[in-house]
Amino acid sequence: MTVELIKQISAEVFKTMLLASGPVLLVSLLVGVLISFIQAITQLQEFTITFVPKIIAVFLCLLFFMPWITNVLLDFTRNIINNIPAYIK
C-alpha cells in the first residue's frame, strides 16, 4: 500500500461519511435553529422543547433518505471489496 492509496481511501471514507450523515445533521441543525428562533421571539426558554421536534424531524429524514443513504454505503462497500486485489499489490 502506498501513501497515495491510503490518501485516496481516506478521502473516499470521509466523503461517504459526509454523504451518509449530512442530510440528517442538516435537518437537525435547521430544526434546532428554527425552534431556537421561535423560542427567542416568544421568550419561552424551555430546554426540552427542542428535543421532540428534532427527534421527529430526524426520524422523518431517516425514513425519507434511508434508501439513498443505503445506496451510498453499498456503493462504497462494493468499491472497497472490488478493489482489494489492487490494494494488496
Protein backbone atom coordinates (compact mmCIF):
# COMPACT_ATOMS: atom_id res chain seq x y z
CA MET A 1 0.00 0.00 0.00
CA THR A 2 1.29 3.39 -0.93
CA VAL A 3 0.69 6.71 0.75
CA GLU A 4 -1.36 7.88 -2.23
CA LEU A 5 -3.63 4.85 -1.97
CA ILE A 6 -4.20 5.48 1.72
CA LYS A 7 -4.98 9.14 0.99
CA GLN A 8 -7.44 8.09 -1.71
CA ILE A 9 -9.20 5.59 0.55
CA SER A 10 -9.31 8.10 3.41
CA ALA A 11 -10.79 10.76 1.16
CA GLU A 12 -13.42 8.29 -0.03
CA VAL A 13 -14.23 7.34 3.58
CA PHE A 14 -14.73 10.97 4.63
CA LYS A 15 -16.78 11.74 1.52
CA THR A 16 -19.02 8.74 2.17
CA MET A 17 -19.35 9.65 5.83
CA LEU A 18 -20.42 13.19 4.98
CA LEU A 19 -22.85 12.00 2.31
CA ALA A 20 -24.41 9.44 4.64
CA SER A 21 -24.74 11.69 7.69
CA GLY A 22 -25.14 15.06 6.01
CA PRO A 23 -28.88 15.13 5.36
CA VAL A 24 -29.77 14.06 8.89
CA LEU A 25 -27.35 16.50 10.50
CA LEU A 26 -28.53 19.34 8.27
CA VAL A 27 -32.20 18.71 9.06
CA SER A 28 -31.41 18.52 12.78
CA LEU A 29 -29.47 21.78 12.58
CA LEU A 30 -32.22 23.59 10.69
CA VAL A 31 -34.96 22.41 13.05
CA GLY A 32 -32.83 23.40 16.05
CA VAL A 33 -32.22 26.89 14.67
CA LEU A 34 -35.90 27.31 13.80
CA ILE A 35 -37.04 26.23 17.27
CA SER A 36 -34.41 28.47 18.89
CA PHE A 37 -35.61 31.38 16.77
CA ILE A 38 -39.21 30.75 17.84
CA GLN A 39 -38.11 30.49 21.47
CA ALA A 40 -36.23 33.77 21.20
CA ILE A 41 -39.27 35.52 19.71
CA THR A 42 -41.70 34.17 22.31
CA GLN A 43 -39.15 34.35 25.16
CA LEU A 44 -40.05 30.79 26.09
CA GLN A 45 -36.76 29.34 27.33
CA GLU A 46 -37.59 25.70 27.97
CA PHE A 47 -34.71 23.40 27.03
CA THR A 48 -36.84 20.32 26.45
CA ILE A 49 -38.96 21.94 23.72
CA THR A 50 -36.24 21.44 21.10
CA PHE A 51 -35.91 17.69 21.60
CA VAL A 52 -39.30 16.45 20.36
CA PRO A 53 -39.34 18.39 17.06
CA LYS A 54 -35.71 17.39 16.41
CA ILE A 55 -36.43 13.71 17.08
CA ILE A 56 -39.46 13.77 14.79
CA ALA A 57 -37.56 15.63 12.06
CA VAL A 58 -34.57 13.28 12.25
CA PHE A 59 -36.85 10.23 12.13
CA LEU A 60 -38.70 11.57 9.09
CA CYS A 61 -35.42 12.48 7.43
CA LEU A 62 -34.05 8.99 8.03
CA LEU A 63 -37.27 7.49 6.70
CA PHE A 64 -37.08 9.63 3.57
CA PHE A 65 -33.32 9.41 2.91
CA MET A 66 -32.63 5.82 4.04
CA PRO A 67 -32.75 4.30 0.52
CA TRP A 68 -30.28 6.90 -0.74
CA ILE A 69 -28.00 6.53 2.30
CA THR A 70 -28.08 2.76 1.88
CA ASN A 71 -27.08 3.08 -1.78
CA VAL A 72 -24.18 5.40 -0.88
CA LEU A 73 -22.91 2.96 1.75
CA LEU A 74 -23.36 -0.05 -0.53
CA ASP A 75 -21.51 1.65 -3.37
CA PHE A 76 -18.63 2.46 -1.04
CA THR A 77 -18.52 -1.11 0.27
CA ARG A 78 -18.65 -2.59 -3.23
CA ASN A 79 -15.86 -0.28 -4.33
CA ILE A 80 -13.65 -1.29 -1.40
CA ILE A 81 -14.32 -5.02 -1.87
CA ASN A 82 -13.83 -4.92 -5.64
CA ASN A 83 -10.50 -3.11 -5.27
CA ILE A 84 -8.98 -5.44 -2.67
CA PRO A 85 -6.68 -7.08 -5.28
CA ALA A 86 -5.35 -3.66 -6.25
CA TYR A 87 -4.83 -2.73 -2.61
CA ILE A 88 -2.62 -5.72 -1.79
CA LYS A 89 -0.22 -5.18 -4.70
